[in-house]
Amino acid sequence: MKIVYLTAGAGGMFCGSCIHDNALAKELILLGSECLLVPVYTPIRTDDEDVSSDQVFMGGINVYLQQKMPWLAYLPNWIDRILNSPRLIRRVTKNIGKTLPTFLGALTVSMLKGLKGNQRKEFLRLVDWLEKEIRPDVLILTNLLIGGSCSEIKKRCGSKIFVTLQGDDIFIDSLPEPYKTQTISLLRSIVPEIDGFIIHSHAYANKMTELLHIPNAQMHVMPLGIPLKDFSNLREANSTTRSIADGATKPDFTIGYLARLGAEKGFHKLVDAFCQIAKMPDYQHVKLKIAGWKGPQHEEDFQRLSNQLNQAGLAERWQYVGSIDRKQKVSFLQSLDLFCVPTTYEEPKGLFLLEAVACGIPYLQPAHGAFPEIHDRLVAFSAKPLGKLFNPHSESDFLTMLQSAIDNPIQKQLPNQQVRDEIDIASHAKRILQLIQTR
């Protein structure tokens, strides 16, 4: 089976969707499929071997310029080739940050119009390539927001088209009106062209079914999987001790956060809770360790939260280690006693939680989005649960359960073979392959 997998790059960010798409494409190849992972917008940045092609379609520079100045669509092809150079795109977008919401909204609407939008030339280049050089049996899109040319692709290539829904809603919600309403309308118009939607949780499937009017028969919940290599050796972190008020000592207890530093991931919630707990006499041994991408749009909030921590007298008890690669990620996770990313929105995937579990790290997560389903999957195959869930609508419940997780720590423990088989990318890829072969 010949598969083309379109994955949207995110500039210089380690992107969960890119990491997932890359791992899945790699596994589909190992299962015998002829799978070509093709970046759109920018080259991808992943924390494992990058199996994507060395060309970029709908390159971010051209897409941006053609929206600003539509006449640029008539430039000679040799100039397009320069502007679509992965090296140039990587340099220009490595520090990608804020984009004016009104421009982003207009650009999104134009992209969803496909051949009728300002980026017609970019879509034609993609469709021509698919028709004349590849002729895929199946096309997989990383999200529906890049689906503006699906109708033309089906007409000219006859390919089955599948779309992964893994965060489209949070982008849609960020758009100002009238672009948000227009975007939803255009997305709904594309739905009939899609043979199937791949979603990683029933909660997100229900949400997107309602938002985009997707028939239930098109929705296919495929539990998420991750590559488990590198996560197999649990090392005990080097512990120091800290004196507390009554003269006793406790080993350091490190709470860890691994996600982009956006409000939607709940970074501020964890900082607030840590500040409340860490100042208590019995919790002088508690530390906070943070990793994840910090873009220009996060800088103001990060500085505010840094000041909050420092002014609370916690400057020596928290650390930001930056945006980390795979080797650093494994080391980071293994240094933790508790993993917590208290998202404020309903997380559609929860990839970072599976990585923590693969490292044997106990977790505390909000009981919404994909997390309850991941938790239930883990409990079903494990005699001893590795983590707990808190009420996402109650700050007091979060604080109480965080204190309980510190007072009664769950021992680090690598997942058993049943859990490993359940969350392995190989199992996930087999489920996806069976779907696209039989749908």
Protein backbone atom coordinates (compact mmCIF):
# COMPACT_ATOMS: atom_id res chain seq x y z
CA MET A 1 0.00 0.00 0.00
CA LYS A 2 1.32 3.41 -1.00
CA ILE A 3 0.66 6.05 1.67
CA VAL A 4 1.44 9.77 1.65
CA TYR A 5 1.32 11.30 5.12
CA LEU A 6 1.13 15.11 5.22
CA THR A 7 2.46 16.48 8.49
CA ALA A 8 2.45 20.16 9.44
CA GLY A 9 5.79 21.47 10.70
CA ALA A 10 5.80 23.91 13.60
CA GLY A 11 8.91 25.98 12.93
CA GLY A 12 11.60 25.40 15.53
CA MET A 13 9.29 23.76 18.08
CA PHE A 14 9.37 20.15 19.21
CA CYS A 15 5.74 19.51 18.28
CA GLY A 16 3.74 16.62 19.73
CA SER A 17 1.87 16.13 16.46
CA CYS A 18 5.12 16.08 14.47
CA ILE A 19 6.65 13.59 16.91
CA HIS A 20 3.57 11.38 16.64
CA ASP A 21 3.34 11.61 12.85
CA ASN A 22 7.03 10.82 12.40
CA ALA A 23 6.89 7.82 14.74
CA LEU A 24 3.73 6.48 13.10
CA ALA A 25 5.09 6.86 9.56
CA LYS A 26 8.28 5.09 10.58
CA GLU A 27 6.30 2.20 12.04
CA LEU A 28 4.03 1.96 8.98
CA ILE A 29 7.17 1.53 6.88
CA LEU A 30 8.38 -1.24 9.20
CA LEU A 31 5.00 -2.95 8.75
CA GLY A 32 5.62 -3.12 4.99
CA SER A 33 3.75 -0.06 3.73
CA GLU A 34 5.32 2.35 1.28
CA CYS A 35 4.77 5.42 3.45
CA LEU A 36 6.15 8.83 2.54
CA LEU A 37 6.05 11.47 5.29
CA VAL A 38 5.81 14.89 3.66
CA PRO A 39 6.07 18.18 5.60
CA VAL A 40 3.81 21.14 4.88
CA TYR A 41 4.46 24.73 6.01
CA THR A 42 7.89 24.01 7.54
CA PRO A 43 10.24 21.06 7.99
CA ILE A 44 9.32 19.08 11.08
CA ARG A 45 11.35 18.97 14.28
CA THR A 46 11.18 15.64 16.05
CA ASP A 47 13.09 14.09 18.93
CA ASP A 48 13.81 10.84 17.06
CA GLU A 49 15.15 9.87 13.63
CA ASP A 50 13.42 12.14 11.10
CA VAL A 51 11.93 10.03 8.29
CA SER A 52 10.23 12.93 6.46
CA SER A 53 11.04 13.85 2.87
CA ASP A 54 13.48 16.64 2.08
CA GLN A 55 10.91 18.80 0.30
CA VAL A 56 8.21 20.98 1.81
CA PHE A 57 4.82 21.64 0.22
CA MET A 58 2.77 24.76 0.91
CA GLY A 59 5.97 26.26 2.29
CA GLY A 60 5.39 28.74 5.08
CA ILE A 61 7.24 31.58 3.35
CA ASN A 62 5.24 31.30 0.13
CA VAL A 63 1.96 30.78 1.97
CA TYR A 64 2.58 33.91 4.04
CA LEU A 65 3.75 36.10 1.14
CA GLN A 66 0.93 35.02 -1.18
CA GLN A 67 -1.58 35.98 1.49
CA LYS A 68 0.06 39.39 1.95
CA MET A 69 0.61 39.97 -1.78
CA PRO A 70 -1.50 37.57 -3.89
CA TRP A 71 0.27 38.66 -7.09
CA LEU A 72 3.36 36.77 -5.87
CA ALA A 73 1.60 33.60 -6.98
CA TYR A 74 2.68 34.54 -10.52
CA LEU A 75 6.40 34.54 -9.77
CA PRO A 76 8.56 32.14 -11.81
CA ASN A 77 8.89 28.58 -10.52
CA TRP A 78 12.60 28.95 -9.84
CA ILE A 79 11.86 31.65 -7.26
CA ASP A 80 9.25 29.36 -5.67
CA ARG A 81 11.84 26.64 -5.39
CA ILE A 82 14.16 28.98 -3.51
CA LEU A 83 11.39 30.12 -1.15
CA ASN A 84 10.35 26.50 -0.54
CA SER A 85 13.88 25.44 0.33
CA PRO A 86 13.73 23.53 3.65
CA ARG A 87 16.96 25.21 4.76
CA LEU A 88 15.60 28.71 4.14
CA ILE A 89 12.24 27.92 5.73
CA ARG A 90 14.01 26.47 8.76
CA ARG A 91 16.12 29.61 9.17
CA VAL A 92 13.21 32.02 8.75
CA THR A 93 10.80 30.16 11.04
CA LYS A 94 13.12 28.84 13.76
CA ASN A 95 11.97 31.59 16.16
CA ILE A 96 8.41 31.74 14.92
CA GLY A 97 6.24 33.66 17.35
CA LYS A 98 3.20 35.86 17.42
CA THR A 99 1.11 36.40 14.31
CA LEU A 100 -1.66 38.99 14.29
CA PRO A 101 -4.94 37.13 14.90
CA THR A 102 -6.71 38.95 12.07
CA PHE A 103 -4.04 37.97 9.57
CA LEU A 104 -3.96 34.39 10.85
CA GLY A 105 -7.73 34.20 10.53
CA ALA A 106 -7.72 35.50 6.95
CA LEU A 107 -4.86 33.12 6.07
CA THR A 108 -6.70 30.14 7.53
CA VAL A 109 -9.86 30.90 5.56
CA SER A 110 -7.84 31.35 2.36
CA MET A 111 -6.01 28.04 2.90
CA LEU A 112 -9.27 26.18 3.48
CA LYS A 113 -10.59 27.50 0.16
CA GLY A 114 -7.85 25.51 -1.53
CA LEU A 115 -7.72 26.18 -5.26
CA LYS A 116 -10.05 29.16 -4.77
CA GLY A 117 -7.79 30.83 -2.22
CA ASN A 118 -4.67 32.98 -2.47
CA GLN A 119 -2.45 29.90 -2.16
CA ARG A 120 -3.87 28.21 -5.30
CA LYS A 121 -0.41 27.82 -6.79
CA GLU A 122 0.86 25.98 -3.71
CA PHE A 123 -2.08 23.58 -3.72
CA LEU A 124 -1.71 22.90 -7.43
CA ARG A 125 1.95 22.04 -6.90
CA LEU A 126 0.94 19.48 -4.26
CA VAL A 127 -1.92 17.98 -6.28
CA ASP A 128 0.18 17.78 -9.46
CA TRP A 129 2.94 15.99 -7.56
CA LEU A 130 0.51 13.52 -6.01
CA GLU A 131 -1.15 12.80 -9.36
CA LYS A 132 1.88 12.63 -11.64
CA GLU A 133 4.63 11.27 -9.42
CA ILE A 134 3.11 9.34 -6.54
CA ARG A 135 -0.49 8.21 -7.10
CA PRO A 136 -0.99 7.21 -3.44
CA ASP A 137 -3.59 4.66 -2.41
CA VAL A 138 -4.09 6.55 0.84
CA LEU A 139 -3.48 10.14 1.92
CA ILE A 140 -3.28 10.88 5.66
CA LEU A 141 -3.51 14.49 6.84
CA THR A 142 -2.17 15.51 10.24
CA ASN A 143 -5.19 17.80 10.69
CA LEU A 144 -8.20 19.02 8.73
CA LEU A 145 -6.89 22.58 8.56
CA ILE A 146 -4.62 21.56 5.65
CA GLY A 147 -7.51 19.88 3.82
CA GLY A 148 -8.35 22.65 1.35
CA SER A 149 -7.43 20.53 -1.69
CA CYS A 150 -9.05 17.22 -0.64
CA SER A 151 -11.79 17.45 -3.25
CA GLU A 152 -9.26 18.00 -6.07
CA ILE A 153 -7.02 15.20 -4.78
CA LYS A 154 -9.88 12.70 -4.75
CA LYS A 155 -10.92 13.77 -8.23
CA ARG A 156 -7.45 13.50 -9.77
CA CYS A 157 -5.83 10.73 -7.73
CA GLY A 158 -8.73 8.64 -6.46
CA SER A 159 -6.94 8.23 -3.12
CA LYS A 160 -8.69 7.39 0.11
CA ILE A 161 -8.23 10.29 2.52
CA PHE A 162 -7.93 10.01 6.29
CA VAL A 163 -7.51 12.92 8.70
CA THR A 164 -6.08 12.87 12.22
CA LEU A 165 -7.82 15.24 14.61
CA GLN A 166 -5.34 16.15 17.35
CA GLY A 167 -5.81 19.73 18.43
CA ASP A 168 -7.68 21.49 15.61
CA ASP A 169 -10.19 22.93 18.08
CA ILE A 170 -7.72 24.97 20.13
CA PHE A 171 -6.46 26.66 16.96
CA ILE A 172 -10.00 27.35 15.78
CA ASP A 173 -10.91 28.84 19.16
CA SER A 174 -7.97 31.25 18.89
CA LEU A 175 -9.30 32.85 15.70
CA PRO A 176 -11.24 36.13 15.89
CA GLU A 177 -14.60 36.60 14.23
CA PRO A 178 -15.69 36.49 11.48
CA TYR A 179 -12.83 34.10 10.65
CA LYS A 180 -13.69 31.55 13.32
CA THR A 181 -17.22 31.08 11.98
CA GLN A 182 -15.98 31.02 8.37
CA THR A 183 -13.31 28.46 9.28
CA ILE A 184 -15.82 26.13 10.91
CA SER A 185 -18.14 26.42 7.91
CA LEU A 186 -15.32 25.61 5.46
CA LEU A 187 -14.13 22.67 7.57
CA ARG A 188 -17.65 21.25 7.63
CA SER A 189 -17.79 21.49 3.85
CA ILE A 190 -14.63 19.35 3.59
CA VAL A 191 -15.92 16.58 5.90
CA PRO A 192 -17.84 14.66 3.16
CA GLU A 193 -14.59 14.29 1.18
CA ILE A 194 -12.91 12.40 4.02
CA ASP A 195 -13.07 8.60 4.23
CA GLY A 196 -12.29 8.50 7.93
CA PHE A 197 -11.17 10.56 10.89
CA ILE A 198 -8.56 9.18 13.30
CA ILE A 199 -8.94 10.38 16.90
CA HIS A 200 -7.09 9.27 20.02
CA SER A 201 -9.90 9.52 22.60
CA HIS A 202 -13.68 9.21 22.71
CA ALA A 203 -13.90 12.53 24.54
CA TYR A 204 -12.22 14.36 21.67
CA ALA A 205 -14.23 12.42 19.11
CA ASN A 206 -17.45 13.62 20.74
CA LYS A 207 -16.19 17.20 20.81
CA MET A 208 -15.14 17.27 17.16
CA THR A 209 -18.28 15.41 16.02
CA GLU A 210 -20.35 18.22 17.47
CA LEU A 211 -18.09 21.03 16.23
CA LEU A 212 -17.66 19.84 12.62
CA HIS A 213 -20.86 17.80 12.16
CA ILE A 214 -18.90 14.62 11.41
CA PRO A 215 -21.05 11.48 11.01
CA ASN A 216 -20.32 8.83 13.63
CA ALA A 217 -19.48 6.31 10.91
CA GLN A 218 -16.50 8.46 9.88
CA MET A 219 -15.04 8.62 13.41
CA HIS A 220 -12.46 6.02 14.44
CA VAL A 221 -10.94 6.16 17.92
CA MET A 222 -7.41 4.75 17.84
CA PRO A 223 -5.67 4.68 21.26
CA LEU A 224 -2.38 6.54 21.08
CA GLY A 225 0.99 4.80 21.08
CA ILE A 226 4.60 5.99 21.39
CA PRO A 227 8.05 4.59 20.56
CA LEU A 228 9.26 2.86 23.72
CA LYS A 229 12.95 2.60 22.96
CA ASP A 230 15.13 4.64 25.35
CA PHE A 231 12.41 4.47 28.02
CA SER A 232 13.25 0.97 29.19
CA ASN A 233 15.88 1.61 31.89
CA LEU A 234 14.66 3.23 35.08
CA ARG A 235 17.44 4.92 36.98
CA GLU A 236 16.98 6.24 40.46
CA ALA A 237 17.62 9.97 40.49
CA ASN A 238 20.43 11.15 42.73
CA SER A 239 18.69 12.43 45.85
CA THR A 240 19.92 15.04 48.21
CA THR A 241 18.29 15.85 51.51
CA ARG A 242 16.93 19.03 52.97
CA SER A 243 16.62 19.92 56.63
CA ILE A 244 13.16 20.88 57.77
CA ALA A 245 11.82 22.73 60.79
CA ASP A 246 11.63 19.81 63.24
CA GLY A 247 15.19 18.67 62.52
CA ALA A 248 14.21 15.61 60.50
CA THR A 249 15.20 15.23 56.89
CA LYS A 250 13.35 14.20 53.78
CA PRO A 251 14.75 13.35 50.37
CA ASP A 252 14.08 15.94 47.69
CA PHE A 253 10.78 15.44 45.89
CA THR A 254 10.74 16.79 42.34
CA ILE A 255 7.55 17.66 40.46
CA GLY A 256 8.07 17.82 36.71
CA TYR A 257 6.29 19.56 33.82
CA LEU A 258 7.01 18.71 30.16
CA ALA A 259 4.97 20.60 27.55
CA ARG A 260 5.02 23.92 25.75
CA LEU A 261 4.75 26.81 28.17
CA GLY A 262 1.31 27.91 27.07
CA ALA A 263 -1.66 28.72 29.29
CA GLU A 264 -3.63 25.88 27.69
CA LYS A 265 -1.13 23.39 29.12
CA GLY A 266 -1.71 24.73 32.64
CA PHE A 267 1.83 25.89 33.38
CA HIS A 268 0.48 28.75 35.49
CA LYS A 269 -1.73 26.37 37.50
CA LEU A 270 1.24 24.25 38.48
CA VAL A 271 3.28 27.32 39.44
CA ASP A 272 0.43 28.63 41.63
CA ALA A 273 0.02 25.29 43.37
CA PHE A 274 3.75 24.84 43.86
CA CYS A 275 4.06 28.30 45.41
CA GLN A 276 1.32 27.48 47.91
CA ILE A 277 2.75 24.10 48.88
CA ALA A 278 6.48 24.88 48.81
CA LYS A 279 6.23 27.64 51.44
CA MET A 280 4.70 25.25 54.01
CA PRO A 281 7.14 24.01 56.67
CA ASP A 282 6.58 20.33 55.87
CA TYR A 283 7.29 20.79 52.16
CA GLN A 284 10.71 22.41 52.13
CA HIS A 285 12.02 19.35 50.26
CA VAL A 286 9.74 19.86 47.24
CA LYS A 287 11.18 21.18 43.97
CA LEU A 288 9.81 22.06 40.55
CA LYS A 289 11.48 21.16 37.25
CA ILE A 290 10.16 22.51 33.96
CA ALA A 291 10.89 21.60 30.33
CA GLY A 292 9.22 22.57 27.07
CA TRP A 293 9.16 25.01 24.21
CA LYS A 294 8.94 28.71 25.09
CA GLY A 295 8.05 30.87 22.11
CA PRO A 296 7.96 34.66 21.94
CA GLN A 297 4.22 34.52 22.65
CA HIS A 298 4.96 32.83 26.00
CA GLU A 299 7.71 35.18 27.15
CA GLU A 300 5.57 37.69 29.05
CA ASP A 301 3.73 35.02 31.06
CA PHE A 302 6.96 33.13 31.69
CA GLN A 303 8.61 36.21 33.15
CA ARG A 304 5.58 36.91 35.34
CA LEU A 305 5.54 33.33 36.66
CA SER A 306 9.33 33.34 37.13
CA ASN A 307 9.00 36.49 39.23
CA GLN A 308 6.18 34.89 41.21
CA LEU A 309 8.40 31.90 42.05
CA ASN A 310 11.42 34.02 42.90
CA GLN A 311 9.49 36.51 45.01
CA ALA A 312 8.07 33.58 46.96
CA GLY A 313 11.64 32.72 47.97
CA LEU A 314 11.79 29.67 45.69
CA ALA A 315 14.56 30.76 43.33
CA GLU A 316 16.76 27.81 44.37
CA ARG A 317 13.93 25.29 44.20
CA TRP A 318 12.76 25.54 40.61
CA GLN A 319 14.50 25.11 37.28
CA TYR A 320 13.65 25.59 33.61
CA VAL A 321 15.79 23.33 31.43
CA GLY A 322 14.49 24.57 28.06
CA SER A 323 13.24 22.73 24.98
CA ILE A 324 14.79 19.28 25.12
CA ASP A 325 15.63 16.52 22.65
CA ARG A 326 14.87 12.83 23.16
CA LYS A 327 17.99 11.93 25.14
CA GLN A 328 17.51 14.95 27.39
CA LYS A 329 13.81 14.11 27.72
CA VAL A 330 14.49 10.62 29.03
CA SER A 331 17.01 11.97 31.53
CA PHE A 332 14.58 14.72 32.57
CA LEU A 333 11.69 12.32 33.14
CA GLN A 334 13.83 9.89 35.08
CA SER A 335 14.86 12.70 37.44
CA LEU A 336 11.25 13.29 38.54
CA ASP A 337 9.20 11.93 41.41
CA LEU A 338 5.88 13.13 40.02
CA PHE A 339 4.77 14.20 36.53
CA CYS A 340 2.09 16.85 36.21
CA VAL A 341 0.85 18.89 33.24
CA PRO A 342 -2.49 20.32 34.51
CA THR A 343 -3.95 21.35 31.16
CA THR A 344 -6.77 23.87 31.17
CA TYR A 345 -8.17 22.57 27.90
CA GLU A 346 -9.24 19.03 27.04
CA GLU A 347 -6.03 17.47 25.78
CA PRO A 348 -6.76 15.36 22.66
CA LYS A 349 -3.66 13.09 22.78
CA GLY A 350 -1.69 13.05 26.02
CA LEU A 351 1.53 11.92 24.36
CA PHE A 352 3.66 13.39 27.15
CA LEU A 353 1.77 11.35 29.76
CA LEU A 354 2.54 8.10 27.94
CA GLU A 355 6.22 9.10 27.85
CA ALA A 356 6.23 9.65 31.61
CA VAL A 357 4.52 6.29 32.15
CA ALA A 358 7.03 4.58 29.87
CA CYS A 359 9.76 5.95 32.16
CA GLY A 360 7.96 4.62 35.23
CA ILE A 361 7.14 8.07 36.65
CA PRO A 362 3.99 8.53 38.78
CA TYR A 363 1.57 11.15 37.49
CA LEU A 364 -1.18 13.53 38.56
CA GLN A 365 -3.36 14.76 35.67
CA PRO A 366 -6.73 16.51 35.25
CA ALA A 367 -9.74 14.25 34.73
CA HIS A 368 -10.68 15.59 31.33
CA GLY A 369 -9.81 15.15 27.65
CA ALA A 370 -7.78 12.07 26.84
CA PHE A 371 -6.39 11.60 30.35
CA PRO A 372 -9.23 9.54 31.91
CA GLU A 373 -9.13 7.14 28.96
CA ILE A 374 -5.35 6.80 29.15
CA HIS A 375 -5.63 6.27 32.91
CA ASP A 376 -8.28 3.56 32.41
CA ARG A 377 -6.11 1.83 29.78
CA LEU A 378 -3.18 1.76 32.18
CA VAL A 379 -5.25 0.54 35.13
CA ALA A 380 -6.75 -2.26 33.03
CA PHE A 381 -3.32 -3.77 32.38
CA SER A 382 -1.53 -2.95 35.62
CA ALA A 383 -2.05 -4.37 39.11
CA LYS A 384 -0.80 -1.14 40.71
CA PRO A 385 -1.95 2.22 39.22
CA LEU A 386 0.96 4.58 38.62
CA GLY A 387 -1.01 7.79 38.88
CA LYS A 388 -4.19 9.64 39.80
CA LEU A 389 -6.59 12.20 38.32
CA PHE A 390 -7.93 15.39 39.90
CA ASN A 391 -11.05 17.46 39.29
CA PRO A 392 -10.02 20.01 36.63
CA HIS A 393 -12.68 22.45 37.82
CA SER A 394 -11.48 22.57 41.44
CA GLU A 395 -8.28 24.33 42.46
CA SER A 396 -8.67 22.96 45.99
CA ASP A 397 -8.90 19.38 44.71
CA PHE A 398 -5.76 19.88 42.65
CA LEU A 399 -3.90 21.30 45.64
CA THR A 400 -5.14 18.56 47.98
CA MET A 401 -4.22 15.75 45.59
CA LEU A 402 -0.83 17.30 44.86
CA GLN A 403 -0.09 17.39 48.59
CA SER A 404 -1.27 13.79 48.90
CA ALA A 405 1.00 12.73 46.03
CA ILE A 406 3.94 14.27 47.91
CA ASP A 407 2.97 12.85 51.31
CA ASN A 408 2.22 9.38 49.97
CA PRO A 409 4.49 9.03 46.95
CA ILE A 410 3.93 6.21 44.49
CA GLN A 411 7.10 4.30 43.84
CA LYS A 412 8.62 4.63 40.40
CA GLN A 413 7.98 1.47 38.44
CA LEU A 414 8.51 0.59 34.80
CA PRO A 415 5.31 -0.60 33.09
CA ASN A 416 4.76 -4.33 32.77
CA GLN A 417 4.75 -6.04 29.39
CA GLN A 418 0.98 -5.78 29.00
CA VAL A 419 1.08 -2.01 29.48
CA ARG A 420 4.07 -1.73 27.15
CA ASP A 421 2.23 -3.68 24.45
CA GLU A 422 -0.82 -1.46 24.89
CA ILE A 423 1.01 1.89 24.57
CA ASP A 424 3.68 0.85 22.04
CA ILE A 425 3.72 2.67 18.69
CA ALA A 426 3.75 -0.73 16.96
CA SER A 427 0.31 -1.55 18.35
CA HIS A 428 -0.95 1.89 17.40
CA ALA A 429 0.39 1.54 13.84
CA LYS A 430 -1.24 -1.89 13.40
CA ARG A 431 -4.60 -0.41 14.38
CA ILE A 432 -4.16 2.46 11.90
CA LEU A 433 -3.04 0.15 9.11
CA GLN A 434 -6.01 -2.15 9.62
CA LEU A 435 -8.35 0.85 9.43
CA ILE A 436 -6.98 2.28 6.19
CA GLN A 437 -6.83 -1.16 4.56
CA THR A 438 -10.42 -2.09 5.35
CA ARG A 439 -12.26 1.23 5.32
